PDB file of N, CA and C in Angstrom:
ATOM      1  N   MET A   1       0.869  -1.229  -0.215  1.00  0.00           N
ATOM      2  CA  MET A   1      -0.120  -0.084   0.045  1.00  0.00           C
ATOM      3  C   MET A   1       0.974   1.145   0.053  1.00  0.00           C
ATOM      4  N   SER A   2       0.808   2.144  -1.067  1.00  0.00           N
ATOM      5  CA  SER A   2       1.563   3.342  -0.759  1.00  0.00           C
ATOM      6  C   SER A   2       0.855   4.486  -0.046  1.00  0.00           C
ATOM      7  N   LYS A   3       1.612   4.982   0.265  1.00  0.00           N
ATOM      8  CA  LYS A   3       1.215   6.263   1.049  1.00  0.00           C
ATOM      9  C   LYS A   3       1.236   7.745   0.429  1.00  0.00           C
ATOM     10  N   GLN A   4       0.303   8.514   0.735  1.00  0.00           N
ATOM     11  CA  GLN A   4       0.158   9.766  -0.190  1.00  0.00           C
ATOM     12  C   GLN A   4       0.616  10.812   0.480  1.00  0.00           C
ATOM     13  N   LYS A   5       1.438  11.796   0.059  1.00  0.00           N
ATOM     14  CA  LYS A   5       2.156  12.810   0.815  1.00  0.00           C
ATOM     15  C   LYS A   5       1.391  14.073   0.642  1.00  0.00           C
ATOM     16  N   PHE A   6       0.881  14.589   1.531  1.00  0.00           N
ATOM     17  CA  PHE A   6      -0.073  15.939   1.557  1.00  0.00           C
ATOM     18  C   PHE A   6       0.930  17.241   2.046  1.00  0.00           C
ATOM     19  N   LEU A   7       0.683  18.112   1.505  1.00  0.00           N
ATOM     20  CA  LEU A   7       1.455  19.509   1.748  1.00  0.00           C
ATOM     21  C   LEU A   7       0.296  20.519   2.206  1.00  0.00           C
ATOM     22  N   THR A   8       0.820  21.534   2.576  1.00  0.00           N
ATOM     23  CA  THR A   8      -0.056  22.367   3.279  1.00  0.00           C
ATOM     24  C   THR A   8      -0.162  23.620   1.859  1.00  0.00           C
ATOM     25  N   THR A   9      -0.815  24.444   2.054  1.00  0.00           N
ATOM     26  CA  THR A   9      -1.001  25.523   1.136  1.00  0.00           C
ATOM     27  C   THR A   9       0.406  26.518   1.112  1.00  0.00           C
ATOM     28  N   ASN A  10       0.860  26.712   2.558  1.00  0.00           N
ATOM     29  CA  ASN A  10       2.036  27.220   2.707  1.00  0.00           C
ATOM     30  C   ASN A  10       3.390  26.678   1.999  1.00  0.00           C
ATOM     31  N   GLU A  11       3.220  25.532   2.294  1.00  0.00           N
ATOM     32  CA  GLU A  11       4.313  24.480   1.534  1.00  0.00           C
ATOM     33  C   GLU A  11       4.185  24.858   0.170  1.00  0.00           C
ATOM     34  N   VAL A  12       3.036  24.599  -0.464  1.00  0.00           N
ATOM     35  CA  VAL A  12       3.066  24.500  -1.994  1.00  0.00           C
ATOM     36  C   VAL A  12       3.486  25.771  -2.281  1.00  0.00           C
ATOM     37  N   ALA A  13       3.116  26.913  -1.836  1.00  0.00           N
ATOM     38  CA  ALA A  13       3.135  28.358  -2.074  1.00  0.00           C
ATOM     39  C   ALA A  13       4.861  28.552  -2.162  1.00  0.00           C
ATOM     40  N   LYS A  14       5.284  28.255  -1.284  1.00  0.00           N
ATOM     41  CA  LYS A  14       6.943  28.148  -1.142  1.00  0.00           C
ATOM     42  C   LYS A  14       7.767  27.730  -2.510  1.00  0.00           C
ATOM     43  N   GLU A  15       7.046  26.215  -2.627  1.00  0.00           N
ATOM     44  CA  GLU A  15       7.530  25.591  -3.658  1.00  0.00           C
ATOM     45  C   GLU A  15       7.734  25.880  -4.929  1.00  0.00           C
ATOM     46  N   LEU A  16       6.576  26.578  -4.965  1.00  0.00           N
ATOM     47  CA  LEU A  16       6.083  27.357  -6.536  1.00  0.00           C
ATOM     48  C   LEU A  16       6.535  28.716  -6.521  1.00  0.00           C
ATOM     49  N   GLY A  17       6.744  29.558  -5.488  1.00  0.00           N
ATOM     50  CA  GLY A  17       7.523  30.697  -5.463  1.00  0.00           C
ATOM     51  C   GLY A  17       6.231  31.748  -5.607  1.00  0.00           C
ATOM     52  N   VAL A  18       5.148  31.603  -5.038  1.00  0.00           N
ATOM     53  CA  VAL A  18       3.874  32.477  -5.372  1.00  0.00           C
ATOM     54  C   VAL A  18       3.293  32.705  -3.532  1.00  0.00           C
ATOM     55  N   HIS A  19       2.611  33.425  -3.832  1.00  0.00           N
ATOM     56  CA  HIS A  19       2.062  34.060  -2.358  1.00  0.00           C
ATOM     57  C   HIS A  19       0.824  32.840  -1.974  1.00  0.00           C
ATOM     58  N   GLN A  20       0.602  32.424  -0.913  1.00  0.00           N
ATOM     59  CA  GLN A  20      -0.330  31.560  -0.470  1.00  0.00           C
ATOM     60  C   GLN A  20      -1.900  32.294  -0.901  1.00  0.00           C
ATOM     61  N   SER A  21      -1.879  33.151  -1.044  1.00  0.00           N
ATOM     62  CA  SER A  21      -3.309  33.608  -1.605  1.00  0.00           C
ATOM     63  C   SER A  21      -3.537  32.857  -2.741  1.00  0.00           C
ATOM     64  N   ARG A  22      -2.473  32.796  -3.740  1.00  0.00           N
ATOM     65  CA  ARG A  22      -2.189  32.355  -5.221  1.00  0.00           C
ATOM     66  C   ARG A  22      -3.154  31.067  -5.118  1.00  0.00           C
ATOM     67  N   ILE A  23      -2.319  30.317  -4.425  1.00  0.00           N
ATOM     68  CA  ILE A  23      -2.784  28.851  -4.120  1.00  0.00           C
ATOM     69  C   ILE A  23      -4.308  28.757  -3.942  1.00  0.00           C
ATOM     70  N   TYR A  24      -4.562  29.695  -2.831  1.00  0.00           N
ATOM     71  CA  TYR A  24      -6.219  29.640  -2.626  1.00  0.00           C
ATOM     72  C   TYR A  24      -6.785  29.956  -3.588  1.00  0.00           C
ATOM     73  N   ALA A  25      -6.511  30.447  -4.940  1.00  0.00           N
ATOM     74  CA  ALA A  25      -7.076  31.070  -5.814  1.00  0.00           C
ATOM     75  C   ALA A  25      -7.010  29.921  -6.818  1.00  0.00           C
ATOM     76  N   LEU A  26      -6.158  29.151  -6.860  1.00  0.00           N
ATOM     77  CA  LEU A  26      -6.091  28.005  -7.806  1.00  0.00           C
ATOM     78  C   LEU A  26      -7.240  26.859  -7.286  1.00  0.00           C
ATOM     79  N   ILE A  27      -7.123  26.834  -5.757  1.00  0.00           N
ATOM     80  CA  ILE A  27      -7.983  25.636  -5.487  1.00  0.00           C
ATOM     81  C   ILE A  27      -9.375  26.234  -6.040  1.00  0.00           C
ATOM     82  N   GLU A  28      -9.993  27.373  -5.761  1.00  0.00           N
ATOM     83  CA  GLU A  28     -11.047  27.868  -5.645  1.00  0.00           C
ATOM     84  C   GLU A  28     -11.292  27.621  -7.388  1.00  0.00           C
ATOM     85  N   SER A  29     -10.802  28.096  -8.062  1.00  0.00           N
ATOM     86  CA  SER A  29     -11.009  27.833  -9.642  1.00  0.00           C
ATOM     87  C   SER A  29     -10.870  26.602  -9.912  1.00  0.00           C
ATOM     88  N   GLU A  30     -10.453  25.304  -9.046  1.00  0.00           N
ATOM     89  CA  GLU A  30     -10.565  23.961  -9.335  1.00  0.00           C
ATOM     90  C   GLU A  30      -9.284  23.605 -10.396  1.00  0.00           C
ATOM     91  N   ARG A  31      -8.378  24.459 -10.627  1.00  0.00           N
ATOM     92  CA  ARG A  31      -7.075  24.230 -11.222  1.00  0.00           C
ATOM     93  C   ARG A  31      -6.203  23.325 -10.264  1.00  0.00           C
ATOM     94  N   LEU A  32      -6.274  23.175  -9.115  1.00  0.00           N
ATOM     95  CA  LEU A  32      -5.531  22.368  -8.129  1.00  0.00           C
ATOM     96  C   LEU A  32      -6.481  21.830  -7.274  1.00  0.00           C
ATOM     97  N   PRO A  33      -6.189  20.780  -7.371  1.00  0.00           N
ATOM     98  CA  PRO A  33      -7.194  19.621  -6.400  1.00  0.00           C
ATOM     99  C   PRO A  33      -6.634  19.780  -5.058  1.00  0.00           C
ATOM    100  N   ALA A  34      -7.786  19.738  -4.108  1.00  0.00           N
ATOM    101  CA  ALA A  34      -7.169  20.180  -2.348  1.00  0.00           C
ATOM    102  C   ALA A  34      -8.542  19.402  -2.179  1.00  0.00           C
ATOM    103  N   THR A  35      -7.780  19.133  -0.535  1.00  0.00           N
ATOM    104  CA  THR A  35      -9.121  18.319   0.323  1.00  0.00           C
ATOM    105  C   THR A  35      -9.070  19.364   1.611  1.00  0.00           C
ATOM    106  N   ARG A  36     -10.128  19.512   2.058  1.00  0.00           N
ATOM    107  CA  ARG A  36     -10.342  20.233   3.168  1.00  0.00           C
ATOM    108  C   ARG A  36     -10.194  19.499   4.446  1.00  0.00           C
ATOM    109  N   PHE A  37      -9.261  19.953   5.398  1.00  0.00           N
ATOM    110  CA  PHE A  37      -9.066  19.292   6.641  1.00  0.00           C
ATOM    111  C   PHE A  37      -9.132  20.500   7.826  1.00  0.00           C
ATOM    112  N   GLY A  38     -10.219  20.240   8.521  1.00  0.00           N
ATOM    113  CA  GLY A  38     -10.573  21.250   9.365  1.00  0.00           C
ATOM    114  C   GLY A  38     -10.532  22.594   8.857  1.00  0.00           C
ATOM    115  N   LYS A  39      -9.867  23.732   9.218  1.00  0.00           N
ATOM    116  CA  LYS A  39      -9.768  24.892   8.514  1.00  0.00           C
ATOM    117  C   LYS A  39      -8.674  25.053   7.416  1.00  0.00           C
ATOM    118  N   SER A  40      -8.045  23.857   7.148  1.00  0.00           N
ATOM    119  CA  SER A  40      -6.764  23.974   6.065  1.00  0.00           C
ATOM    120  C   SER A  40      -7.294  23.173   5.349  1.00  0.00           C
ATOM    121  N   TRP A  41      -6.256  23.126   3.893  1.00  0.00           N
ATOM    122  CA  TRP A  41      -6.334  22.629   2.703  1.00  0.00           C
ATOM    123  C   TRP A  41      -5.192  21.884   2.565  1.00  0.00           C
ATOM    124  N   LEU A  42      -5.403  20.835   1.902  1.00  0.00           N
ATOM    125  CA  LEU A  42      -4.397  19.989   1.988  1.00  0.00           C
ATOM    126  C   LEU A  42      -4.356  19.397   0.473  1.00  0.00           C
ATOM    127  N   ILE A  43      -2.835  19.193  -0.001  1.00  0.00           N
ATOM    128  CA  ILE A  43      -2.659  19.291  -1.565  1.00  0.00           C
ATOM    129  C   ILE A  43      -1.887  18.026  -1.607  1.00  0.00           C
ATOM    130  N   GLU A  44      -2.259  17.028  -2.607  1.00  0.00           N
ATOM    131  CA  GLU A  44      -1.418  15.723  -2.551  1.00  0.00           C
ATOM    132  C   GLU A  44      -0.032  16.347  -3.376  1.00  0.00           C
ATOM    133  N   ALA A  45       1.090  16.015  -3.094  1.00  0.00           N
ATOM    134  CA  ALA A  45       2.400  16.317  -3.771  1.00  0.00           C
ATOM    135  C   ALA A  45       2.270  16.089  -5.220  1.00  0.00           C
ATOM    136  N   LYS A  46       1.870  15.104  -5.633  1.00  0.00           N
ATOM    137  CA  LYS A  46       1.790  14.753  -7.009  1.00  0.00           C
ATOM    138  C   LYS A  46       1.053  15.924  -7.898  1.00  0.00           C
ATOM    139  N   ASP A  47      -0.328  16.337  -7.079  1.00  0.00           N
ATOM    140  CA  ASP A  47      -1.022  17.497  -7.915  1.00  0.00           C
ATOM    141  C   ASP A  47      -0.292  18.602  -8.107  1.00  0.00           C
ATOM    142  N   VAL A  48       0.787  19.007  -7.529  1.00  0.00           N
ATOM    143  CA  VAL A  48       1.422  20.374  -7.505  1.00  0.00           C
ATOM    144  C   VAL A  48       1.893  20.381  -9.016  1.00  0.00           C
ATOM    145  N   GLU A  49       2.302  19.472  -9.654  1.00  0.00           N
ATOM    146  CA  GLU A  49       2.544  19.190 -10.986  1.00  0.00           C
ATOM    147  C   GLU A  49       1.781  19.926 -11.780  1.00  0.00           C
ATOM    148  N   LEU A  50       0.463  19.956 -11.562  1.00  0.00           N
ATOM    149  CA  LEU A  50      -0.744  20.239 -12.339  1.00  0.00           C
ATOM    150  C   LEU A  50      -0.626  21.748 -12.510  1.00  0.00           C
ATOM    151  N   VAL A  51      -0.117  22.537 -11.432  1.00  0.00           N
ATOM    152  CA  VAL A  51      -0.015  23.798 -11.929  1.00  0.00           C
ATOM    153  C   VAL A  51       1.404  24.468 -11.927  1.00  0.00           C
ATOM    154  N   ARG A  52       2.552  23.566 -11.734  1.00  0.00           N
ATOM    155  CA  ARG A  52       3.620  24.267 -11.725  1.00  0.00           C
ATOM    156  C   ARG A  52       4.102  24.832 -13.152  1.00  0.00           C
ATOM    157  N   ASP A  53       3.850  24.498 -14.257  1.00  0.00           N
ATOM    158  CA  ASP A  53       3.850  25.239 -15.650  1.00  0.00           C
ATOM    159  C   ASP A  53       2.971  26.185 -16.046  1.00  0.00           C
ATOM    160  N   ARG A  54       2.127  26.661 -15.075  1.00  0.00           N
ATOM    161  CA  ARG A  54       1.343  27.376 -15.457  1.00  0.00           C
ATOM    162  C   ARG A  54       1.716  28.992 -16.023  1.00  0.00           C
ATOM    163  N   LYS A  55       1.164  29.529 -16.687  1.00  0.00           N
ATOM    164  CA  LYS A  55       1.572  30.742 -17.078  1.00  0.00           C
ATOM    165  C   LYS A  55       1.729  31.868 -16.080  1.00  0.00           C
ATOM    166  N   VAL A  56       2.432  32.756 -16.044  1.00  0.00           N
ATOM    167  CA  VAL A  56       2.889  33.667 -14.871  1.00  0.00           C
ATOM    168  C   VAL A  56       1.991  34.913 -15.131  1.00  0.00           C
ATOM    169  N   GLY A  57       1.192  35.436 -14.134  1.00  0.00           N
ATOM    170  CA  GLY A  57       0.516  36.734 -14.267  1.00  0.00           C
ATOM    171  C   GLY A  57      -0.670  36.680 -14.657  1.00  0.00           C
ATOM    172  N   ARG A  58      -1.431  37.613 -14.768  1.00  0.00           N
ATOM    173  CA  ARG A  58      -2.859  37.727 -15.305  1.00  0.00           C
ATOM    174  C   ARG A  58      -2.954  37.666 -16.834  1.00  0.00           C
ATOM    175  N   PRO A  59      -4.326  37.203 -16.961  1.00  0.00           N
ATOM    176  CA  PRO A  59      -4.292  37.016 -18.708  1.00  0.00           C
ATOM    177  C   PRO A  59      -4.601  38.617 -19.068  1.00  0.00           C
ATOM    178  N   PRO A  60      -4.268  38.672 -20.554  1.00  0.00           N
ATOM    179  CA  PRO A  60      -4.141  40.302 -20.876  1.00  0.00           C
ATOM    180  C   PRO A  60      -5.832  40.805 -21.162  1.00  0.00           C
ATOM    181  N   LYS A  61      -6.113  41.912 -20.805  1.00  0.00           N
ATOM    182  CA  LYS A  61      -7.306  42.306 -20.972  1.00  0.00           C
ATOM    183  C   LYS A  61      -8.028  42.280 -22.427  1.00  0.00           C
ATOM    184  N   ALA A  62      -9.115  42.075 -22.525  1.00  0.00           N
ATOM    185  CA  ALA A  62      -9.575  42.336 -24.086  1.00  0.00           C
ATOM    186  C   ALA A  62      -9.558  43.676 -24.548  1.00  0.00           C
ATOM    187  N   LYS A  63      -9.289  43.730 -25.792  1.00  0.00           N
ATOM    188  CA  LYS A  63      -9.330  44.973 -26.538  1.00  0.00           C
ATOM    189  C   LYS A  63     -10.473  45.765 -26.837  1.00  0.00           C
ATOM    190  N   ALA A  64     -10.917  46.579 -26.587  1.00  0.00           N
ATOM    191  CA  ALA A  64     -12.325  47.215 -27.038  1.00  0.00           C
ATOM    192  C   ALA A  64     -12.244  47.513 -28.397  1.00  0.00           C
ATOM    193  N   GLU A  65     -13.174  47.107 -29.269  1.00  0.00           N
ATOM    194  CA  GLU A  65     -13.208  47.422 -30.741  1.00  0.00           C
ATOM    195  C   GLU A  65     -13.868  48.626 -30.902  1.00  0.00           C
TER     196      GLU A  65
END
């Protein structure tokens, strides 16, 4: 039986070099799977790869015609 390794939002933020609020946004947008445990979110270590190569920054605003 293999054991799953879980990370906190803070650990994932440090690993990706982003603020913890960005991790919450990724969870909320369902781009980063997470499990609620009490008041905290836990992320499986393997799932971090789903967002590691994400585009940095905000998407460009649509140009008015």
